[in-house]
Amino acid sequence: GVTPTPGATPRPTRSTLATALSGRVAFPVLNGDTGVYDVYVARVDGSGRYRVREGFDQPAFSPNGQWLALRGVTPEQRNLFVVRADGSSIKQVSQNIEDKLPYWSPDGSRLVFASTKDQPGRPKAIYVIDPVPLGGPKVVEGRRVETGRGPVQAEHPSWMPDDRLVYQGCYYFAQPMTCGIFIINS
């Protein structure tokens, strides 16, 4: 057998990563001219890069890859939007500047996000838009996710394949207070 030597682990190259991964990635890039972020999409090997929209960040692909949820970062659009992955058909879906970190449900019909809209100066709570209004002019408040003791105060919410939500937060009702990664029914 071969004995591994510290520091001798080969680093993956762009070509080995490109053969191991497929699909697309959406990402924000700071625009040096405007001072705000623009959202881009590219294949995972870096090719085919194009700008989807100017003045947005926090992109999240829908499960079918046809839509992106975005957060607006310009004074005219400081809330959550959905847009087709090619940049067309943009639609505002929330109305609060505090709404951020959108993430799609496994079936692509709902969004979960974090916001301080109902509790300024307090930790973020998580909200669900169900269903996401892709077809009409409707803007949605979203329902706050709650436990029997109040709102789920959290950040970075995501959906698990079994329809439960996973998030980073603190359980303020425990003594001592417990912080970490939690799972709750949607």
C-alpha atoms as a PDB file:
ATOM      1  CA  GLY A   1       0.000   0.000   0.000  1.00  0.00           C
ATOM      2  CA  VAL A   2       0.899   3.639  -0.301  1.00  0.00           C
ATOM      3  CA  THR A   3       1.405   5.660   2.868  1.00  0.00           C
ATOM      4  CA  PRO A   4      -0.106   9.138   2.551  1.00  0.00           C
ATOM      5  CA  THR A   5       2.263  12.022   3.141  1.00  0.00           C
ATOM      6  CA  PRO A   6       0.982  15.166   4.911  1.00  0.00           C
ATOM      7  CA  GLY A   7       0.375  17.929   2.393  1.00  0.00           C
ATOM      8  CA  ALA A   8       0.473  15.518  -0.548  1.00  0.00           C
ATOM      9  CA  THR A   9      -3.276  15.397  -1.140  1.00  0.00           C
ATOM     10  CA  PRO A  10      -3.894  16.276  -4.783  1.00  0.00           C
ATOM     11  CA  ARG A  11      -6.055  19.323  -5.366  1.00  0.00           C
ATOM     12  CA  PRO A  12      -8.904  18.973  -7.838  1.00  0.00           C
ATOM     13  CA  THR A  13      -8.395  20.869 -11.050  1.00  0.00           C
ATOM     14  CA  ARG A  14     -11.037  22.686 -13.062  1.00  0.00           C
ATOM     15  CA  SER A  15     -11.198  19.788 -15.529  1.00  0.00           C
ATOM     16  CA  THR A  16     -11.684  17.117 -12.816  1.00  0.00           C
ATOM     17  CA  LEU A  17     -14.385  19.198 -11.136  1.00  0.00           C
ATOM     18  CA  ALA A  18     -16.136  19.802 -14.444  1.00  0.00           C
ATOM     19  CA  THR A  19     -16.419  16.062 -15.070  1.00  0.00           C
ATOM     20  CA  ALA A  20     -17.664  15.397 -11.519  1.00  0.00           C
ATOM     21  CA  LEU A  21     -20.317  18.146 -11.426  1.00  0.00           C
ATOM     22  CA  SER A  22     -23.035  19.254 -13.786  1.00  0.00           C
ATOM     23  CA  GLY A  23     -25.794  21.830 -13.848  1.00  0.00           C
ATOM     24  CA  ARG A  24     -25.842  25.564 -13.208  1.00  0.00           C
ATOM     25  CA  VAL A  25     -25.083  27.853 -10.309  1.00  0.00           C
ATOM     26  CA  ALA A  26     -26.539  31.301  -9.564  1.00  0.00           C
ATOM     27  CA  PHE A  27     -24.388  33.831  -7.718  1.00  0.00           C
ATOM     28  CA  PRO A  28     -24.166  37.559  -6.907  1.00  0.00           C
ATOM     29  CA  VAL A  29     -21.276  39.714  -8.143  1.00  0.00           C
ATOM     30  CA  LEU A  30     -20.584  43.215  -6.830  1.00  0.00           C
ATOM     31  CA  ASN A  31     -20.859  45.672  -9.717  1.00  0.00           C
ATOM     32  CA  GLY A  32     -17.986  48.166  -9.397  1.00  0.00           C
ATOM     33  CA  ASP A  33     -19.840  50.797 -11.429  1.00  0.00           C
ATOM     34  CA  THR A  34     -23.103  50.787  -9.446  1.00  0.00           C
ATOM     35  CA  GLY A  35     -21.864  49.602  -6.052  1.00  0.00           C
ATOM     36  CA  VAL A  36     -24.644  46.991  -5.788  1.00  0.00           C
ATOM     37  CA  TYR A  37     -24.861  43.301  -6.618  1.00  0.00           C
ATOM     38  CA  ASP A  38     -25.970  41.738  -9.890  1.00  0.00           C
ATOM     39  CA  VAL A  39     -27.051  38.102 -10.195  1.00  0.00           C
ATOM     40  CA  TYR A  40     -25.346  35.795 -12.690  1.00  0.00           C
ATOM     41  CA  VAL A  41     -25.870  32.201 -13.785  1.00  0.00           C
ATOM     42  CA  ALA A  42     -23.164  29.922 -15.185  1.00  0.00           C
ATOM     43  CA  ARG A  43     -22.525  26.248 -15.725  1.00  0.00           C
ATOM     44  CA  VAL A  44     -20.600  24.720 -12.818  1.00  0.00           C
ATOM     45  CA  ASP A  45     -17.392  24.674 -14.876  1.00  0.00           C
ATOM     46  CA  GLY A  46     -17.653  28.501 -15.196  1.00  0.00           C
ATOM     47  CA  SER A  47     -18.692  28.541 -18.850  1.00  0.00           C
ATOM     48  CA  GLY A  48     -21.857  30.072 -20.254  1.00  0.00           C
ATOM     49  CA  ARG A  49     -21.927  32.889 -17.678  1.00  0.00           C
ATOM     50  CA  TYR A  50     -24.627  35.518 -18.134  1.00  0.00           C
ATOM     51  CA  ARG A  51     -26.162  38.278 -16.024  1.00  0.00           C
ATOM     52  CA  VAL A  52     -29.755  37.541 -15.029  1.00  0.00           C
ATOM     53  CA  ARG A  53     -30.576  40.855 -13.326  1.00  0.00           C
ATOM     54  CA  GLU A  54     -28.887  44.011 -12.050  1.00  0.00           C
ATOM     55  CA  GLY A  55     -29.469  45.161  -8.463  1.00  0.00           C
ATOM     56  CA  PHE A  56     -30.216  41.796  -6.828  1.00  0.00           C
ATOM     57  CA  ASP A  57     -28.494  39.251  -4.592  1.00  0.00           C
ATOM     58  CA  GLN A  58     -29.242  36.044  -2.624  1.00  0.00           C
ATOM     59  CA  PRO A  59     -30.325  33.966  -5.648  1.00  0.00           C
ATOM     60  CA  ALA A  60     -32.005  30.592  -5.115  1.00  0.00           C
ATOM     61  CA  PHE A  61     -32.957  28.251  -7.975  1.00  0.00           C
ATOM     62  CA  SER A  62     -36.377  26.619  -7.960  1.00  0.00           C
ATOM     63  CA  PRO A  63     -36.146  22.801  -7.946  1.00  0.00           C
ATOM     64  CA  ASN A  64     -36.960  22.613 -11.675  1.00  0.00           C
ATOM     65  CA  GLY A  65     -34.332  25.271 -12.481  1.00  0.00           C
ATOM     66  CA  GLN A  66     -36.823  27.510 -14.305  1.00  0.00           C
ATOM     67  CA  TRP A  67     -37.094  30.261 -11.647  1.00  0.00           C
ATOM     68  CA  LEU A  68     -34.815  32.176  -9.306  1.00  0.00           C
ATOM     69  CA  ALA A  69     -35.899  33.806  -6.067  1.00  0.00           C
ATOM     70  CA  LEU A  70     -33.894  37.005  -5.476  1.00  0.00           C
ATOM     71  CA  ARG A  71     -33.612  39.864  -3.017  1.00  0.00           C
ATOM     72  CA  GLY A  72     -33.604  43.383  -4.440  1.00  0.00           C
ATOM     73  CA  VAL A  73     -30.790  45.676  -3.271  1.00  0.00           C
ATOM     74  CA  THR A  74     -31.656  49.000  -4.910  1.00  0.00           C
ATOM     75  CA  PRO A  75     -33.924  51.663  -3.373  1.00  0.00           C
ATOM     76  CA  GLU A  76     -36.639  50.910  -5.955  1.00  0.00           C
ATOM     77  CA  GLN A  77     -36.759  47.191  -5.194  1.00  0.00           C
ATOM     78  CA  ARG A  78     -35.844  46.141  -1.672  1.00  0.00           C
ATOM     79  CA  ASN A  79     -37.827  42.960  -1.151  1.00  0.00           C
ATOM     80  CA  LEU A  80     -38.164  39.477  -2.639  1.00  0.00           C
ATOM     81  CA  PHE A  81     -38.740  38.761  -6.322  1.00  0.00           C
ATOM     82  CA  VAL A  82     -38.949  35.727  -8.579  1.00  0.00           C
ATOM     83  CA  VAL A  83     -37.614  35.772 -12.115  1.00  0.00           C
ATOM     84  CA  ARG A  84     -37.211  33.187 -14.860  1.00  0.00           C
ATOM     85  CA  ALA A  85     -33.648  31.867 -14.979  1.00  0.00           C
ATOM     86  CA  ASP A  86     -33.119  33.658 -18.306  1.00  0.00           C
ATOM     87  CA  GLY A  87     -33.940  37.026 -16.633  1.00  0.00           C
ATOM     88  CA  SER A  88     -37.448  37.433 -18.051  1.00  0.00           C
ATOM     89  CA  SER A  89     -40.797  37.658 -16.244  1.00  0.00           C
ATOM     90  CA  ILE A  90     -39.623  39.334 -13.047  1.00  0.00           C
ATOM     91  CA  LYS A  91     -42.266  39.513 -10.334  1.00  0.00           C
ATOM     92  CA  GLN A  92     -42.246  41.023  -6.865  1.00  0.00           C
ATOM     93  CA  VAL A  93     -43.545  38.512  -4.290  1.00  0.00           C
ATOM     94  CA  SER A  94     -42.997  40.264  -0.939  1.00  0.00           C
ATOM     95  CA  GLN A  95     -43.377  43.848   0.188  1.00  0.00           C
ATOM     96  CA  ASN A  96     -40.966  44.300   3.086  1.00  0.00           C
ATOM     97  CA  ILE A  97     -37.382  45.523   2.845  1.00  0.00           C
ATOM     98  CA  GLU A  98     -36.484  43.217   5.734  1.00  0.00           C
ATOM     99  CA  ASP A  99     -37.305  40.033   3.751  1.00  0.00           C
ATOM    100  CA  LYS A 100     -34.211  38.040   2.809  1.00  0.00           C
ATOM    101  CA  LEU A 101     -32.599  34.641   2.284  1.00  0.00           C
ATOM    102  CA  PRO A 102     -35.304  33.008   0.097  1.00  0.00           C
ATOM    103  CA  TYR A 103     -35.308  29.230  -0.416  1.00  0.00           C
ATOM    104  CA  TRP A 104     -37.733  27.116  -2.480  1.00  0.00           C
ATOM    105  CA  SER A 105     -39.796  24.176  -1.215  1.00  0.00           C
ATOM    106  CA  PRO A 106     -38.989  20.758  -2.736  1.00  0.00           C
ATOM    107  CA  ASP A 107     -42.031  20.958  -5.027  1.00  0.00           C
ATOM    108  CA  GLY A 108     -41.258  24.555  -6.102  1.00  0.00           C
ATOM    109  CA  SER A 109     -44.627  25.936  -4.991  1.00  0.00           C
ATOM    110  CA  ARG A 110     -43.520  27.792  -1.833  1.00  0.00           C
ATOM    111  CA  LEU A 111     -40.717  30.000  -0.536  1.00  0.00           C
ATOM    112  CA  VAL A 112     -39.311  30.226   2.972  1.00  0.00           C
ATOM    113  CA  PHE A 113     -37.407  33.359   4.008  1.00  0.00           C
ATOM    114  CA  ALA A 114     -36.137  35.267   7.036  1.00  0.00           C
ATOM    115  CA  SER A 115     -37.363  38.715   8.063  1.00  0.00           C
ATOM    116  CA  THR A 116     -37.576  41.168  10.949  1.00  0.00           C
ATOM    117  CA  LYS A 117     -40.701  42.811   9.475  1.00  0.00           C
ATOM    118  CA  ASP A 118     -42.973  42.030  12.467  1.00  0.00           C
ATOM    119  CA  GLN A 119     -40.368  42.525  15.162  1.00  0.00           C
ATOM    120  CA  PRO A 120     -37.891  45.344  14.416  1.00  0.00           C
ATOM    121  CA  GLY A 121     -34.769  45.180  16.528  1.00  0.00           C
ATOM    122  CA  ARG A 122     -35.314  41.517  17.370  1.00  0.00           C
ATOM    123  CA  PRO A 123     -33.868  38.367  15.784  1.00  0.00           C
ATOM    124  CA  LYS A 124     -35.217  37.390  12.376  1.00  0.00           C
ATOM    125  CA  ALA A 125     -38.239  35.122  12.177  1.00  0.00           C
ATOM    126  CA  ILE A 126     -38.991  32.710   9.348  1.00  0.00           C
ATOM    127  CA  TYR A 127     -41.936  33.083   6.992  1.00  0.00           C
ATOM    128  CA  VAL A 128     -43.469  30.970   4.240  1.00  0.00           C
ATOM    129  CA  ILE A 129     -45.120  32.189   1.042  1.00  0.00           C
ATOM    130  CA  ASP A 130     -47.555  29.484  -0.028  1.00  0.00           C
ATOM    131  CA  PRO A 131     -48.126  29.386  -2.875  1.00  0.00           C
ATOM    132  CA  VAL A 132     -45.633  31.619  -4.681  1.00  0.00           C
ATOM    133  CA  PRO A 133     -47.766  33.815  -6.976  1.00  0.00           C
ATOM    134  CA  LEU A 134     -45.985  33.155 -10.279  1.00  0.00           C
ATOM    135  CA  GLY A 135     -48.951  33.965 -12.513  1.00  0.00           C
ATOM    136  CA  GLY A 136     -50.439  37.228 -11.323  1.00  0.00           C
ATOM    137  CA  PRO A 137     -49.703  40.638  -9.876  1.00  0.00           C
ATOM    138  CA  LYS A 138     -50.241  39.522  -6.258  1.00  0.00           C
ATOM    139  CA  VAL A 139     -47.668  40.444  -3.587  1.00  0.00           C
ATOM    140  CA  VAL A 140     -47.752  38.245  -0.485  1.00  0.00           C
ATOM    141  CA  GLU A 141     -46.971  38.924   3.179  1.00  0.00           C
ATOM    142  CA  GLY A 142     -46.080  35.316   3.940  1.00  0.00           C
ATOM    143  CA  ARG A 143     -47.164  33.485   7.074  1.00  0.00           C
ATOM    144  CA  ARG A 144     -44.873  33.503  10.090  1.00  0.00           C
ATOM    145  CA  VAL A 145     -43.765  30.022  11.204  1.00  0.00           C
ATOM    146  CA  GLU A 146     -44.603  29.587  14.872  1.00  0.00           C
ATOM    147  CA  THR A 147     -44.269  27.093  17.665  1.00  0.00           C
ATOM    148  CA  GLY A 148     -46.645  26.910  20.593  1.00  0.00           C
ATOM    149  CA  ARG A 149     -44.457  29.524  22.318  1.00  0.00           C
ATOM    150  CA  GLY A 150     -44.200  32.108  19.569  1.00  0.00           C
ATOM    151  CA  PRO A 151     -42.398  32.825  16.294  1.00  0.00           C
ATOM    152  CA  VAL A 152     -39.471  30.721  15.134  1.00  0.00           C
ATOM    153  CA  GLN A 153     -36.581  33.180  15.416  1.00  0.00           C
ATOM    154  CA  ALA A 154     -34.031  32.067  12.883  1.00  0.00           C
ATOM    155  CA  GLU A 155     -31.821  32.733   9.884  1.00  0.00           C
ATOM    156  CA  HIS A 156     -30.836  30.800   6.759  1.00  0.00           C
ATOM    157  CA  PRO A 157     -34.012  28.713   6.442  1.00  0.00           C
ATOM    158  CA  SER A 158     -33.992  25.823   3.966  1.00  0.00           C
ATOM    159  CA  TRP A 159     -36.420  23.098   3.020  1.00  0.00           C
ATOM    160  CA  MET A 160     -35.604  19.435   3.506  1.00  0.00           C
ATOM    161  CA  PRO A 161     -36.842  16.841   0.969  1.00  0.00           C
ATOM    162  CA  ASP A 162     -39.455  15.605   3.495  1.00  0.00           C
ATOM    163  CA  ASP A 163     -41.086  19.085   3.643  1.00  0.00           C
ATOM    164  CA  ARG A 164     -39.602  20.049   7.014  1.00  0.00           C
ATOM    165  CA  LEU A 165     -37.673  23.308   7.489  1.00  0.00           C
ATOM    166  CA  VAL A 166     -34.104  23.434   8.725  1.00  0.00           C
ATOM    167  CA  TYR A 167     -32.682  26.689  10.071  1.00  0.00           C
ATOM    168  CA  GLN A 168     -29.976  28.310  12.158  1.00  0.00           C
ATOM    169  CA  GLY A 169     -31.340  29.858  15.306  1.00  0.00           C
ATOM    170  CA  CYS A 170     -31.762  29.796  19.052  1.00  0.00           C
ATOM    171  CA  TYR A 171     -34.376  28.230  21.252  1.00  0.00           C
ATOM    172  CA  TYR A 172     -34.946  31.162  23.577  1.00  0.00           C
ATOM    173  CA  PHE A 173     -37.425  29.320  25.805  1.00  0.00           C
ATOM    174  CA  ALA A 174     -34.901  26.740  27.063  1.00  0.00           C
ATOM    175  CA  GLN A 175     -32.800  27.326  30.154  1.00  0.00           C
ATOM    176  CA  PRO A 176     -30.003  27.662  29.341  1.00  0.00           C
ATOM    177  CA  MET A 177     -30.781  29.055  25.881  1.00  0.00           C
ATOM    178  CA  THR A 178     -29.772  26.627  23.124  1.00  0.00           C
ATOM    179  CA  CYS A 179     -28.439  27.772  19.738  1.00  0.00           C
ATOM    180  CA  GLY A 180     -27.625  25.716  16.652  1.00  0.00           C
ATOM    181  CA  ILE A 181     -29.296  24.038  13.699  1.00  0.00           C
ATOM    182  CA  PHE A 182     -32.963  23.111  14.197  1.00  0.00           C
ATOM    183  CA  ILE A 183     -35.669  21.284  12.230  1.00  0.00           C
ATOM    184  CA  ILE A 184     -39.395  22.059  12.349  1.00  0.00           C
ATOM    185  CA  ASN A 185     -42.479  21.071  10.361  1.00  0.00           C
ATOM    186  CA  SER A 186     -43.300  23.619   7.671  1.00  0.00           C
END
